[in-house]
Amino acid sequence: MLIAETPEPPYYAVIFSSTLKPGPEGYGETAGRMLDLARVQKGYLGYEAARNGLGISISYWKDLESIRRWKNQYEHLVAQQKGMSNWYQTYKVRVCRVERDYGFEAPEETR
């Protein structure tokens, strides 16, 4: 997965940190479906994720209203309920306003 291309700030980030129960059957398929569905939501800007015991997913959004719409999207609500009952041992959601971003990319010939 690559680093998300985001616009000039300000914009918003939703950070979802989680640990899974052992053997979370159907989790991967649902997570993939949620990413596909998020990508077509109004205000969606990008996504990054990593999982190695602790999972961290960050989705980027234009504004708080876009985040509210995504949180309340029907299929996403169903997945949230299934996550609490079947897949997650723990999770935490943080909604942040990105005020500044910057980065680095090595020259092609040094990669």
PDB file of N, CA and C in Angstrom:
ATOM      1  N   MET A   1       0.844  -1.176   0.000  1.00  0.00           N
ATOM      2  CA  MET A   1       0.000   0.000   0.000  1.00  0.00           C
ATOM      3  C   MET A   1       0.891   1.241   0.000  1.00  0.00           C
ATOM      4  N   LEU A   2       0.492   2.220  -0.723  1.00  0.00           N
ATOM      5  CA  LEU A   2       1.246   3.467  -0.828  1.00  0.00           C
ATOM      6  C   LEU A   2       0.720   4.514   0.141  1.00  0.00           C
ATOM      7  N   ILE A   3       1.512   5.555   0.322  1.00  0.00           N
ATOM      8  CA  ILE A   3       1.081   6.694   1.126  1.00  0.00           C
ATOM      9  C   ILE A   3       0.028   7.458   0.336  1.00  0.00           C
ATOM     10  N   ALA A   4      -1.070   7.792   0.992  1.00  0.00           N
ATOM     11  CA  ALA A   4      -2.182   8.478   0.330  1.00  0.00           C
ATOM     12  C   ALA A   4      -1.758   9.856  -0.154  1.00  0.00           C
ATOM     13  N   GLU A   5      -2.217  10.212  -1.329  1.00  0.00           N
ATOM     14  CA  GLU A   5      -2.047  11.565  -1.863  1.00  0.00           C
ATOM     15  C   GLU A   5      -3.203  12.407  -1.345  1.00  0.00           C
ATOM     16  N   THR A   6      -2.892  13.396  -0.550  1.00  0.00           N
ATOM     17  CA  THR A   6      -3.935  14.238   0.037  1.00  0.00           C
ATOM     18  C   THR A   6      -3.777  15.672  -0.450  1.00  0.00           C
ATOM     19  N   PRO A   7      -4.858  16.447  -0.398  1.00  0.00           N
ATOM     20  CA  PRO A   7      -4.797  17.840  -0.858  1.00  0.00           C
ATOM     21  C   PRO A   7      -4.083  18.724   0.166  1.00  0.00           C
ATOM     22  N   GLU A   8      -3.963  19.983  -0.165  1.00  0.00           N
ATOM     23  CA  GLU A   8      -3.424  20.950   0.794  1.00  0.00           C
ATOM     24  C   GLU A   8      -4.352  20.994   2.010  1.00  0.00           C
ATOM     25  N   PRO A   9      -3.801  21.043   3.216  1.00  0.00           N
ATOM     26  CA  PRO A   9      -4.637  21.174   4.413  1.00  0.00           C
ATOM     27  C   PRO A   9      -5.380  22.506   4.402  1.00  0.00           C
ATOM     28  N   PRO A  10      -6.438  22.583   5.159  1.00  0.00           N
ATOM     29  CA  PRO A  10      -6.887  21.598   6.133  1.00  0.00           C
ATOM     30  C   PRO A  10      -7.781  20.530   5.505  1.00  0.00           C
ATOM     31  N   TYR A  11      -7.744  19.357   6.094  1.00  0.00           N
ATOM     32  CA  TYR A  11      -8.645  18.249   5.813  1.00  0.00           C
ATOM     33  C   TYR A  11      -8.676  17.412   7.086  1.00  0.00           C
ATOM     34  N   TYR A  12      -9.370  16.294   7.073  1.00  0.00           N
ATOM     35  CA  TYR A  12      -9.558  15.511   8.290  1.00  0.00           C
ATOM     36  C   TYR A  12      -9.027  14.090   8.114  1.00  0.00           C
ATOM     37  N   ALA A  13      -8.582  13.520   9.236  1.00  0.00           N
ATOM     38  CA  ALA A  13      -8.132  12.136   9.280  1.00  0.00           C
ATOM     39  C   ALA A  13      -8.939  11.396  10.341  1.00  0.00           C
ATOM     40  N   VAL A  14      -9.382  10.193   9.995  1.00  0.00           N
ATOM     41  CA  VAL A  14     -10.012   9.299  10.960  1.00  0.00           C
ATOM     42  C   VAL A  14      -9.025   8.160  11.179  1.00  0.00           C
ATOM     43  N   ILE A  15      -8.514   8.062  12.400  1.00  0.00           N
ATOM     44  CA  ILE A  15      -7.537   7.040  12.758  1.00  0.00           C
ATOM     45  C   ILE A  15      -8.277   5.944  13.513  1.00  0.00           C
ATOM     46  N   PHE A  16      -8.221   4.731  12.975  1.00  0.00           N
ATOM     47  CA  PHE A  16      -8.899   3.580  13.568  1.00  0.00           C
ATOM     48  C   PHE A  16      -7.825   2.588  13.988  1.00  0.00           C
ATOM     49  N   SER A  17      -7.618   2.453  15.302  1.00  0.00           N
ATOM     50  CA  SER A  17      -6.637   1.521  15.859  1.00  0.00           C
ATOM     51  C   SER A  17      -7.394   0.336  16.435  1.00  0.00           C
ATOM     52  N   SER A  18      -6.911  -0.901  16.161  1.00  0.00           N
ATOM     53  CA  SER A  18      -7.664  -2.064  16.613  1.00  0.00           C
ATOM     54  C   SER A  18      -6.765  -3.273  16.858  1.00  0.00           C
ATOM     55  N   THR A  19      -7.282  -4.168  17.702  1.00  0.00           N
ATOM     56  CA  THR A  19      -6.718  -5.511  17.839  1.00  0.00           C
ATOM     57  C   THR A  19      -7.857  -6.478  17.542  1.00  0.00           C
ATOM     58  N   LEU A  20      -7.516  -7.573  16.882  1.00  0.00           N
ATOM     59  CA  LEU A  20      -8.526  -8.551  16.469  1.00  0.00           C
ATOM     60  C   LEU A  20      -8.596  -9.726  17.431  1.00  0.00           C
ATOM     61  N   LYS A  21      -9.778 -10.336  17.503  1.00  0.00           N
ATOM     62  CA  LYS A  21      -9.935 -11.611  18.187  1.00  0.00           C
ATOM     63  C   LYS A  21      -9.236 -12.681  17.344  1.00  0.00           C
ATOM     64  N   PRO A  22      -8.859 -13.814  17.913  1.00  0.00           N
ATOM     65  CA  PRO A  22      -8.257 -14.886  17.118  1.00  0.00           C
ATOM     66  C   PRO A  22      -9.209 -15.384  16.033  1.00  0.00           C
ATOM     67  N   GLY A  23      -8.663 -15.620  14.829  1.00  0.00           N
ATOM     68  CA  GLY A  23      -9.434 -16.189  13.729  1.00  0.00           C
ATOM     69  C   GLY A  23     -10.651 -15.404  13.314  1.00  0.00           C
ATOM     70  N   PRO A  24     -10.501 -14.142  12.945  1.00  0.00           N
ATOM     71  CA  PRO A  24     -11.663 -13.307  12.601  1.00  0.00           C
ATOM     72  C   PRO A  24     -12.237 -13.646  11.226  1.00  0.00           C
ATOM     73  N   GLU A  25     -13.045 -14.699  11.167  1.00  0.00           N
ATOM     74  CA  GLU A  25     -13.592 -15.180   9.901  1.00  0.00           C
ATOM     75  C   GLU A  25     -14.416 -14.109   9.192  1.00  0.00           C
ATOM     76  N   GLY A  26     -14.100 -13.859   7.918  1.00  0.00           N
ATOM     77  CA  GLY A  26     -14.831 -12.892   7.110  1.00  0.00           C
ATOM     78  C   GLY A  26     -14.342 -11.461   7.256  1.00  0.00           C
ATOM     79  N   TYR A  27     -13.401 -11.235   8.152  1.00  0.00           N
ATOM     80  CA  TYR A  27     -12.920  -9.869   8.398  1.00  0.00           C
ATOM     81  C   TYR A  27     -12.267  -9.258   7.157  1.00  0.00           C
ATOM     82  N   GLY A  28     -11.358  -9.979   6.535  1.00  0.00           N
ATOM     83  CA  GLY A  28     -10.626  -9.449   5.378  1.00  0.00           C
ATOM     84  C   GLY A  28     -11.538  -9.055   4.232  1.00  0.00           C
ATOM     85  N   GLU A  29     -12.516  -9.891   3.956  1.00  0.00           N
ATOM     86  CA  GLU A  29     -13.457  -9.603   2.875  1.00  0.00           C
ATOM     87  C   GLU A  29     -14.275  -8.358   3.178  1.00  0.00           C
ATOM     88  N   THR A  30     -14.737  -8.245   4.418  1.00  0.00           N
ATOM     89  CA  THR A  30     -15.534  -7.084   4.793  1.00  0.00           C
ATOM     90  C   THR A  30     -14.682  -5.817   4.797  1.00  0.00           C
ATOM     91  N   ALA A  31     -13.456  -5.912   5.294  1.00  0.00           N
ATOM     92  CA  ALA A  31     -12.565  -4.749   5.292  1.00  0.00           C
ATOM     93  C   ALA A  31     -12.329  -4.271   3.859  1.00  0.00           C
ATOM     94  N   GLY A  32     -12.125  -5.199   2.928  1.00  0.00           N
ATOM     95  CA  GLY A  32     -11.960  -4.835   1.519  1.00  0.00           C
ATOM     96  C   GLY A  32     -13.199  -4.169   0.950  1.00  0.00           C
ATOM     97  N   ARG A  33     -14.366  -4.686   1.291  1.00  0.00           N
ATOM     98  CA  ARG A  33     -15.624  -4.095   0.828  1.00  0.00           C
ATOM     99  C   ARG A  33     -15.799  -2.686   1.399  1.00  0.00           C
ATOM    100  N   MET A  34     -15.438  -2.496   2.660  1.00  0.00           N
ATOM    101  CA  MET A  34     -15.576  -1.169   3.266  1.00  0.00           C
ATOM    102  C   MET A  34     -14.653  -0.168   2.580  1.00  0.00           C
ATOM    103  N   LEU A  35     -13.441  -0.584   2.231  1.00  0.00           N
ATOM    104  CA  LEU A  35     -12.526   0.316   1.525  1.00  0.00           C
ATOM    105  C   LEU A  35     -13.091   0.676   0.151  1.00  0.00           C
ATOM    106  N   ASP A  36     -13.599  -0.315  -0.573  1.00  0.00           N
ATOM    107  CA  ASP A  36     -14.212  -0.033  -1.881  1.00  0.00           C
ATOM    108  C   ASP A  36     -15.381   0.930  -1.739  1.00  0.00           C
ATOM    109  N   LEU A  37     -16.187   0.740  -0.726  1.00  0.00           N
ATOM    110  CA  LEU A  37     -17.355   1.585  -0.498  1.00  0.00           C
ATOM    111  C   LEU A  37     -16.940   2.997  -0.063  1.00  0.00           C
ATOM    112  N   ALA A  38     -15.949   3.090   0.809  1.00  0.00           N
ATOM    113  CA  ALA A  38     -15.472   4.415   1.259  1.00  0.00           C
ATOM    114  C   ALA A  38     -14.960   5.231   0.083  1.00  0.00           C
ATOM    115  N   ARG A  39     -14.258   4.579  -0.821  1.00  0.00           N
ATOM    116  CA  ARG A  39     -13.652   5.282  -1.958  1.00  0.00           C
ATOM    117  C   ARG A  39     -14.661   6.012  -2.827  1.00  0.00           C
ATOM    118  N   VAL A  40     -15.910   5.600  -2.812  1.00  0.00           N
ATOM    119  CA  VAL A  40     -16.923   6.259  -3.646  1.00  0.00           C
ATOM    120  C   VAL A  40     -17.793   7.236  -2.852  1.00  0.00           C
ATOM    121  N   GLN A  41     -17.474   7.431  -1.583  1.00  0.00           N
ATOM    122  CA  GLN A  41     -18.228   8.367  -0.763  1.00  0.00           C
ATOM    123  C   GLN A  41     -17.800   9.803  -1.053  1.00  0.00           C
ATOM    124  N   LYS A  42     -18.772  10.690  -1.046  1.00  0.00           N
ATOM    125  CA  LYS A  42     -18.488  12.112  -1.231  1.00  0.00           C
ATOM    126  C   LYS A  42     -17.570  12.588  -0.098  1.00  0.00           C
ATOM    127  N   GLY A  43     -16.483  13.263  -0.456  1.00  0.00           N
ATOM    128  CA  GLY A  43     -15.565  13.807   0.522  1.00  0.00           C
ATOM    129  C   GLY A  43     -14.394  12.912   0.875  1.00  0.00           C
ATOM    130  N   TYR A  44     -14.377  11.665   0.367  1.00  0.00           N
ATOM    131  CA  TYR A  44     -13.264  10.740   0.625  1.00  0.00           C
ATOM    132  C   TYR A  44     -12.010  11.232  -0.087  1.00  0.00           C
ATOM    133  N   LEU A  45     -10.857  11.198   0.600  1.00  0.00           N
ATOM    134  CA  LEU A  45      -9.603  11.681   0.016  1.00  0.00           C
ATOM    135  C   LEU A  45      -8.523  10.615  -0.103  1.00  0.00           C
ATOM    136  N   GLY A  46      -8.541   9.598   0.742  1.00  0.00           N
ATOM    137  CA  GLY A  46      -7.495   8.584   0.677  1.00  0.00           C
ATOM    138  C   GLY A  46      -7.486   7.688   1.899  1.00  0.00           C
ATOM    139  N   TYR A  47      -6.540   6.714   1.895  1.00  0.00           N
ATOM    140  CA  TYR A  47      -6.522   5.674   2.917  1.00  0.00           C
ATOM    141  C   TYR A  47      -5.119   5.119   3.066  1.00  0.00           C
ATOM    142  N   GLU A  48      -4.740   4.799   4.294  1.00  0.00           N
ATOM    143  CA  GLU A  48      -3.484   4.110   4.597  1.00  0.00           C
ATOM    144  C   GLU A  48      -3.764   3.113   5.715  1.00  0.00           C
ATOM    145  N   ALA A  49      -3.052   1.983   5.724  1.00  0.00           N
ATOM    146  CA  ALA A  49      -3.276   0.994   6.777  1.00  0.00           C
ATOM    147  C   ALA A  49      -2.038   0.131   6.985  1.00  0.00           C
ATOM    148  N   ALA A  50      -1.916  -0.379   8.200  1.00  0.00           N
ATOM    149  CA  ALA A  50      -0.873  -1.338   8.547  1.00  0.00           C
ATOM    150  C   ALA A  50      -1.429  -2.244   9.637  1.00  0.00           C
ATOM    151  N   ARG A  51      -1.054  -3.507   9.600  1.00  0.00           N
ATOM    152  CA  ARG A  51      -1.473  -4.435  10.648  1.00  0.00           C
ATOM    153  C   ARG A  51      -0.333  -5.395  10.930  1.00  0.00           C
ATOM    154  N   ASN A  52       0.054  -5.434  12.194  1.00  0.00           N
ATOM    155  CA  ASN A  52       1.032  -6.399  12.689  1.00  0.00           C
ATOM    156  C   ASN A  52       0.719  -6.572  14.173  1.00  0.00           C
ATOM    157  N   GLY A  53      -0.355  -7.279  14.455  1.00  0.00           N
ATOM    158  CA  GLY A  53      -0.876  -7.344  15.814  1.00  0.00           C
ATOM    159  C   GLY A  53      -1.816  -6.176  16.055  1.00  0.00           C
ATOM    160  N   LEU A  54      -1.264  -4.982  16.139  1.00  0.00           N
ATOM    161  CA  LEU A  54      -2.059  -3.764  16.222  1.00  0.00           C
ATOM    162  C   LEU A  54      -2.351  -3.292  14.800  1.00  0.00           C
ATOM    163  N   GLY A  55      -3.615  -3.062  14.498  1.00  0.00           N
ATOM    164  CA  GLY A  55      -3.983  -2.530  13.195  1.00  0.00           C
ATOM    165  C   GLY A  55      -4.237  -1.043  13.296  1.00  0.00           C
ATOM    166  N   ILE A  56      -3.717  -0.302  12.336  1.00  0.00           N
ATOM    167  CA  ILE A  56      -3.977   1.132  12.278  1.00  0.00           C
ATOM    168  C   ILE A  56      -4.413   1.460  10.856  1.00  0.00           C
ATOM    169  N   SER A  57      -5.613   1.992  10.733  1.00  0.00           N
ATOM    170  CA  SER A  57      -6.157   2.422   9.449  1.00  0.00           C
ATOM    171  C   SER A  57      -6.452   3.909   9.553  1.00  0.00           C
ATOM    172  N   ILE A  58      -6.040   4.647   8.548  1.00  0.00           N
ATOM    173  CA  ILE A  58      -6.299   6.087   8.525  1.00  0.00           C
ATOM    174  C   ILE A  58      -7.027   6.403   7.229  1.00  0.00           C
ATOM    175  N   SER A  59      -8.208   6.982   7.365  1.00  0.00           N
ATOM    176  CA  SER A  59      -8.912   7.458   6.180  1.00  0.00           C
ATOM    177  C   SER A  59      -8.921   8.980   6.243  1.00  0.00           C
ATOM    178  N   TYR A  60      -8.826   9.590   5.072  1.00  0.00           N
ATOM    179  CA  TYR A  60      -8.746  11.053   4.959  1.00  0.00           C
ATOM    180  C   TYR A  60     -10.018  11.569   4.296  1.00  0.00           C
ATOM    181  N   TRP A  61     -10.528  12.684   4.845  1.00  0.00           N
ATOM    182  CA  TRP A  61     -11.817  13.210   4.422  1.00  0.00           C
ATOM    183  C   TRP A  61     -11.755  14.728   4.277  1.00  0.00           C
ATOM    184  N   LYS A  62     -12.597  15.238   3.388  1.00  0.00           N
ATOM    185  CA  LYS A  62     -12.661  16.673   3.117  1.00  0.00           C
ATOM    186  C   LYS A  62     -13.144  17.466   4.323  1.00  0.00           C
ATOM    187  N   ASP A  63     -14.163  16.939   5.018  1.00  0.00           N
ATOM    188  CA  ASP A  63     -14.773  17.707   6.100  1.00  0.00           C
ATOM    189  C   ASP A  63     -15.480  16.770   7.077  1.00  0.00           C
ATOM    190  N   LEU A  64     -15.950  17.326   8.178  1.00  0.00           N
ATOM    191  CA  LEU A  64     -16.621  16.532   9.207  1.00  0.00           C
ATOM    192  C   LEU A  64     -17.940  15.948   8.717  1.00  0.00           C
ATOM    193  N   GLU A  65     -18.639  16.659   7.851  1.00  0.00           N
ATOM    194  CA  GLU A  65     -19.893  16.138   7.307  1.00  0.00           C
ATOM    195  C   GLU A  65     -19.649  14.865   6.493  1.00  0.00           C
ATOM    196  N   SER A  66     -18.579  14.815   5.728  1.00  0.00           N
ATOM    197  CA  SER A  66     -18.233  13.602   4.966  1.00  0.00           C
ATOM    198  C   SER A  66     -17.987  12.434   5.910  1.00  0.00           C
ATOM    199  N   ILE A  67     -17.308  12.694   7.019  1.00  0.00           N
ATOM    200  CA  ILE A  67     -17.047  11.651   8.011  1.00  0.00           C
ATOM    201  C   ILE A  67     -18.360  11.163   8.630  1.00  0.00           C
ATOM    202  N   ARG A  68     -19.254  12.079   8.970  1.00  0.00           N
ATOM    203  CA  ARG A  68     -20.559  11.703   9.537  1.00  0.00           C
ATOM    204  C   ARG A  68     -21.350  10.825   8.562  1.00  0.00           C
ATOM    205  N   ARG A  69     -21.363  11.233   7.293  1.00  0.00           N
ATOM    206  CA  ARG A  69     -22.085  10.430   6.290  1.00  0.00           C
ATOM    207  C   ARG A  69     -21.495   9.027   6.209  1.00  0.00           C
ATOM    208  N   TRP A  70     -20.168   8.914   6.217  1.00  0.00           N
ATOM    209  CA  TRP A  70     -19.519   7.605   6.127  1.00  0.00           C
ATOM    210  C   TRP A  70     -19.841   6.778   7.382  1.00  0.00           C
ATOM    211  N   LYS A  71     -19.744   7.359   8.544  1.00  0.00           N
ATOM    212  CA  LYS A  71     -20.030   6.625   9.779  1.00  0.00           C
ATOM    213  C   LYS A  71     -21.448   6.057   9.760  1.00  0.00           C
ATOM    214  N   ASN A  72     -22.384   6.781   9.161  1.00  0.00           N
ATOM    215  CA  ASN A  72     -23.788   6.376   9.164  1.00  0.00           C
ATOM    216  C   ASN A  72     -24.237   5.674   7.885  1.00  0.00           C
ATOM    217  N   GLN A  73     -23.329   5.383   6.971  1.00  0.00           N
ATOM    218  CA  GLN A  73     -23.662   4.665   5.744  1.00  0.00           C
ATOM    219  C   GLN A  73     -24.130   3.250   6.133  1.00  0.00           C
ATOM    220  N   TYR A  74     -25.199   2.767   5.532  1.00  0.00           N
ATOM    221  CA  TYR A  74     -25.852   1.530   5.988  1.00  0.00           C
ATOM    222  C   TYR A  74     -24.911   0.326   6.055  1.00  0.00           C
ATOM    223  N   GLU A  75     -24.224   0.004   4.964  1.00  0.00           N
ATOM    224  CA  GLU A  75     -23.330  -1.163   4.974  1.00  0.00           C
ATOM    225  C   GLU A  75     -22.214  -0.999   6.003  1.00  0.00           C
ATOM    226  N   HIS A  76     -21.734   0.224   6.168  1.00  0.00           N
ATOM    227  CA  HIS A  76     -20.704   0.498   7.162  1.00  0.00           C
ATOM    228  C   HIS A  76     -21.250   0.281   8.573  1.00  0.00           C
ATOM    229  N   LEU A  77     -22.487   0.692   8.837  1.00  0.00           N
ATOM    230  CA  LEU A  77     -23.110   0.444  10.141  1.00  0.00           C
ATOM    231  C   LEU A  77     -23.205  -1.051  10.436  1.00  0.00           C
ATOM    232  N   VAL A  78     -23.589  -1.836   9.445  1.00  0.00           N
ATOM    233  CA  VAL A  78     -23.677  -3.290   9.610  1.00  0.00           C
ATOM    234  C   VAL A  78     -22.293  -3.861   9.924  1.00  0.00           C
ATOM    235  N   ALA A  79     -21.275  -3.411   9.195  1.00  0.00           N
ATOM    236  CA  ALA A  79     -19.911  -3.884   9.434  1.00  0.00           C
ATOM    237  C   ALA A  79     -19.421  -3.482  10.827  1.00  0.00           C
ATOM    238  N   GLN A  80     -19.786  -2.277  11.277  1.00  0.00           N
ATOM    239  CA  GLN A  80     -19.398  -1.840  12.621  1.00  0.00           C
ATOM    240  C   GLN A  80     -19.982  -2.785  13.677  1.00  0.00           C
ATOM    241  N   GLN A  81     -21.247  -3.126  13.533  1.00  0.00           N
ATOM    242  CA  GLN A  81     -21.886  -4.039  14.489  1.00  0.00           C
ATOM    243  C   GLN A  81     -21.229  -5.421  14.471  1.00  0.00           C
ATOM    244  N   LYS A  82     -20.936  -5.909  13.273  1.00  0.00           N
ATOM    245  CA  LYS A  82     -20.285  -7.215  13.146  1.00  0.00           C
ATOM    246  C   LYS A  82     -18.889  -7.168  13.744  1.00  0.00           C
ATOM    247  N   GLY A  83     -18.196  -6.046  13.567  1.00  0.00           N
ATOM    248  CA  GLY A  83     -16.871  -5.890  14.144  1.00  0.00           C
ATOM    249  C   GLY A  83     -16.901  -6.008  15.653  1.00  0.00           C
ATOM    250  N   MET A  84     -17.866  -5.351  16.285  1.00  0.00           N
ATOM    251  CA  MET A  84     -17.964  -5.394  17.749  1.00  0.00           C
ATOM    252  C   MET A  84     -18.340  -6.790  18.244  1.00  0.00           C
ATOM    253  N   SER A  85     -19.208  -7.480  17.497  1.00  0.00           N
ATOM    254  CA  SER A  85     -19.663  -8.795  17.964  1.00  0.00           C
ATOM    255  C   SER A  85     -18.711  -9.929  17.573  1.00  0.00           C
ATOM    256  N   ASN A  86     -18.001  -9.807  16.437  1.00  0.00           N
ATOM    257  CA  ASN A  86     -17.236 -10.951  15.922  1.00  0.00           C
ATOM    258  C   ASN A  86     -15.731 -10.757  15.816  1.00  0.00           C
ATOM    259  N   TRP A  87     -15.260  -9.556  15.504  1.00  0.00           N
ATOM    260  CA  TRP A  87     -13.868  -9.422  15.078  1.00  0.00           C
ATOM    261  C   TRP A  87     -12.944  -8.688  16.034  1.00  0.00           C
ATOM    262  N   TYR A  88     -13.396  -7.613  16.627  1.00  0.00           N
ATOM    263  CA  TYR A  88     -12.485  -6.766  17.400  1.00  0.00           C
ATOM    264  C   TYR A  88     -12.430  -7.161  18.870  1.00  0.00           C
ATOM    265  N   GLN A  89     -11.208  -7.227  19.355  1.00  0.00           N
ATOM    266  CA  GLN A  89     -10.981  -7.367  20.779  1.00  0.00           C
ATOM    267  C   GLN A  89     -11.057  -5.972  21.414  1.00  0.00           C
ATOM    268  N   THR A  90     -10.411  -5.013  20.763  1.00  0.00           N
ATOM    269  CA  THR A  90     -10.459  -3.612  21.179  1.00  0.00           C
ATOM    270  C   THR A  90     -10.362  -2.732  19.943  1.00  0.00           C
ATOM    271  N   TYR A  91     -10.890  -1.518  20.043  1.00  0.00           N
ATOM    272  CA  TYR A  91     -10.629  -0.510  19.014  1.00  0.00           C
ATOM    273  C   TYR A  91     -10.810   0.876  19.590  1.00  0.00           C
ATOM    274  N   LYS A  92     -10.227   1.833  18.898  1.00  0.00           N
ATOM    275  CA  LYS A  92     -10.370   3.241  19.263  1.00  0.00           C
ATOM    276  C   LYS A  92     -10.398   4.042  17.965  1.00  0.00           C
ATOM    277  N   VAL A  93     -11.276   5.040  17.914  1.00  0.00           N
ATOM    278  CA  VAL A  93     -11.397   5.923  16.756  1.00  0.00           C
ATOM    279  C   VAL A  93     -11.004   7.329  17.193  1.00  0.00           C
ATOM    280  N   ARG A  94     -10.175   7.958  16.376  1.00  0.00           N
ATOM    281  CA  ARG A  94      -9.783   9.350  16.626  1.00  0.00           C
ATOM    282  C   ARG A  94     -10.054  10.144  15.353  1.00  0.00           C
ATOM    283  N   VAL A  95     -10.707  11.286  15.502  1.00  0.00           N
ATOM    284  CA  VAL A  95     -10.988  12.164  14.365  1.00  0.00           C
ATOM    285  C   VAL A  95     -10.145  13.419  14.568  1.00  0.00           C
ATOM    286  N   CYS A  96      -9.327  13.732  13.564  1.00  0.00           N
ATOM    287  CA  CYS A  96      -8.352  14.822  13.689  1.00  0.00           C
ATOM    288  C   CYS A  96      -8.443  15.767  12.492  1.00  0.00           C
ATOM    289  N   ARG A  97      -8.217  17.028  12.749  1.00  0.00           N
ATOM    290  CA  ARG A  97      -8.095  18.016  11.679  1.00  0.00           C
ATOM    291  C   ARG A  97      -6.609  18.131  11.340  1.00  0.00           C
ATOM    292  N   VAL A  98      -6.274  17.910  10.074  1.00  0.00           N
ATOM    293  CA  VAL A  98      -4.889  18.045   9.625  1.00  0.00           C
ATOM    294  C   VAL A  98      -4.652  19.500   9.263  1.00  0.00           C
ATOM    295  N   GLU A  99      -3.766  20.131   9.986  1.00  0.00           N
ATOM    296  CA  GLU A  99      -3.435  21.541   9.783  1.00  0.00           C
ATOM    297  C   GLU A  99      -2.228  21.721   8.872  1.00  0.00           C
ATOM    298  N   ARG A 100      -1.355  20.716   8.888  1.00  0.00           N
ATOM    299  CA  ARG A 100      -0.119  20.826   8.119  1.00  0.00           C
ATOM    300  C   ARG A 100       0.310  19.427   7.734  1.00  0.00           C
ATOM    301  N   ASP A 101       0.855  19.271   6.522  1.00  0.00           N
ATOM    302  CA  ASP A 101       1.501  18.015   6.144  1.00  0.00           C
ATOM    303  C   ASP A 101       2.710  18.310   5.277  1.00  0.00           C
ATOM    304  N   TYR A 102       3.674  17.425   5.342  1.00  0.00           N
ATOM    305  CA  TYR A 102       4.892  17.549   4.539  1.00  0.00           C
ATOM    306  C   TYR A 102       5.499  16.171   4.431  1.00  0.00           C
ATOM    307  N   GLY A 103       6.454  15.975   3.539  1.00  0.00           N
ATOM    308  CA  GLY A 103       7.036  14.661   3.356  1.00  0.00           C
ATOM    309  C   GLY A 103       8.342  14.677   2.617  1.00  0.00           C
ATOM    310  N   PHE A 104       8.803  13.499   2.284  1.00  0.00           N
ATOM    311  CA  PHE A 104      10.055  13.274   1.596  1.00  0.00           C
ATOM    312  C   PHE A 104       9.882  12.090   0.656  1.00  0.00           C
ATOM    313  N   GLU A 105      10.501  12.172  -0.499  1.00  0.00           N
ATOM    314  CA  GLU A 105      10.539  11.045  -1.418  1.00  0.00           C
ATOM    315  C   GLU A 105      11.935  10.962  -1.985  1.00  0.00           C
ATOM    316  N   ALA A 106      12.597   9.802  -1.798  1.00  0.00           N
ATOM    317  CA  ALA A 106      13.961   9.619  -2.287  1.00  0.00           C
ATOM    318  C   ALA A 106      13.970   9.688  -3.816  1.00  0.00           C
ATOM    319  N   PRO A 107      15.045  10.202  -4.396  1.00  0.00           N
ATOM    320  CA  PRO A 107      15.166  10.210  -5.852  1.00  0.00           C
ATOM    321  C   PRO A 107      15.090   8.783  -6.408  1.00  0.00           C
ATOM    322  N   GLU A 108      14.499   8.645  -7.568  1.00  0.00           N
ATOM    323  CA  GLU A 108      14.296   7.346  -8.203  1.00  0.00           C
ATOM    324  C   GLU A 108      15.584   6.503  -8.250  1.00  0.00           C
ATOM    325  N   GLU A 109      16.711   7.129  -8.586  1.00  0.00           N
ATOM    326  CA  GLU A 109      17.957   6.380  -8.747  1.00  0.00           C
ATOM    327  C   GLU A 109      18.532   5.863  -7.438  1.00  0.00           C
ATOM    328  N   THR A 110      18.008   6.289  -6.274  1.00  0.00           N
ATOM    329  CA  THR A 110      18.526   5.798  -4.985  1.00  0.00           C
ATOM    330  C   THR A 110      17.584   4.810  -4.309  1.00  0.00           C
ATOM    331  N   ARG A 111      16.498   4.450  -4.964  1.00  0.00           N
ATOM    332  CA  ARG A 111      15.548   3.511  -4.357  1.00  0.00           C
ATOM    333  C   ARG A 111      15.984   2.077  -4.548  1.00  0.00           C
TER     334      ARG A 111
END
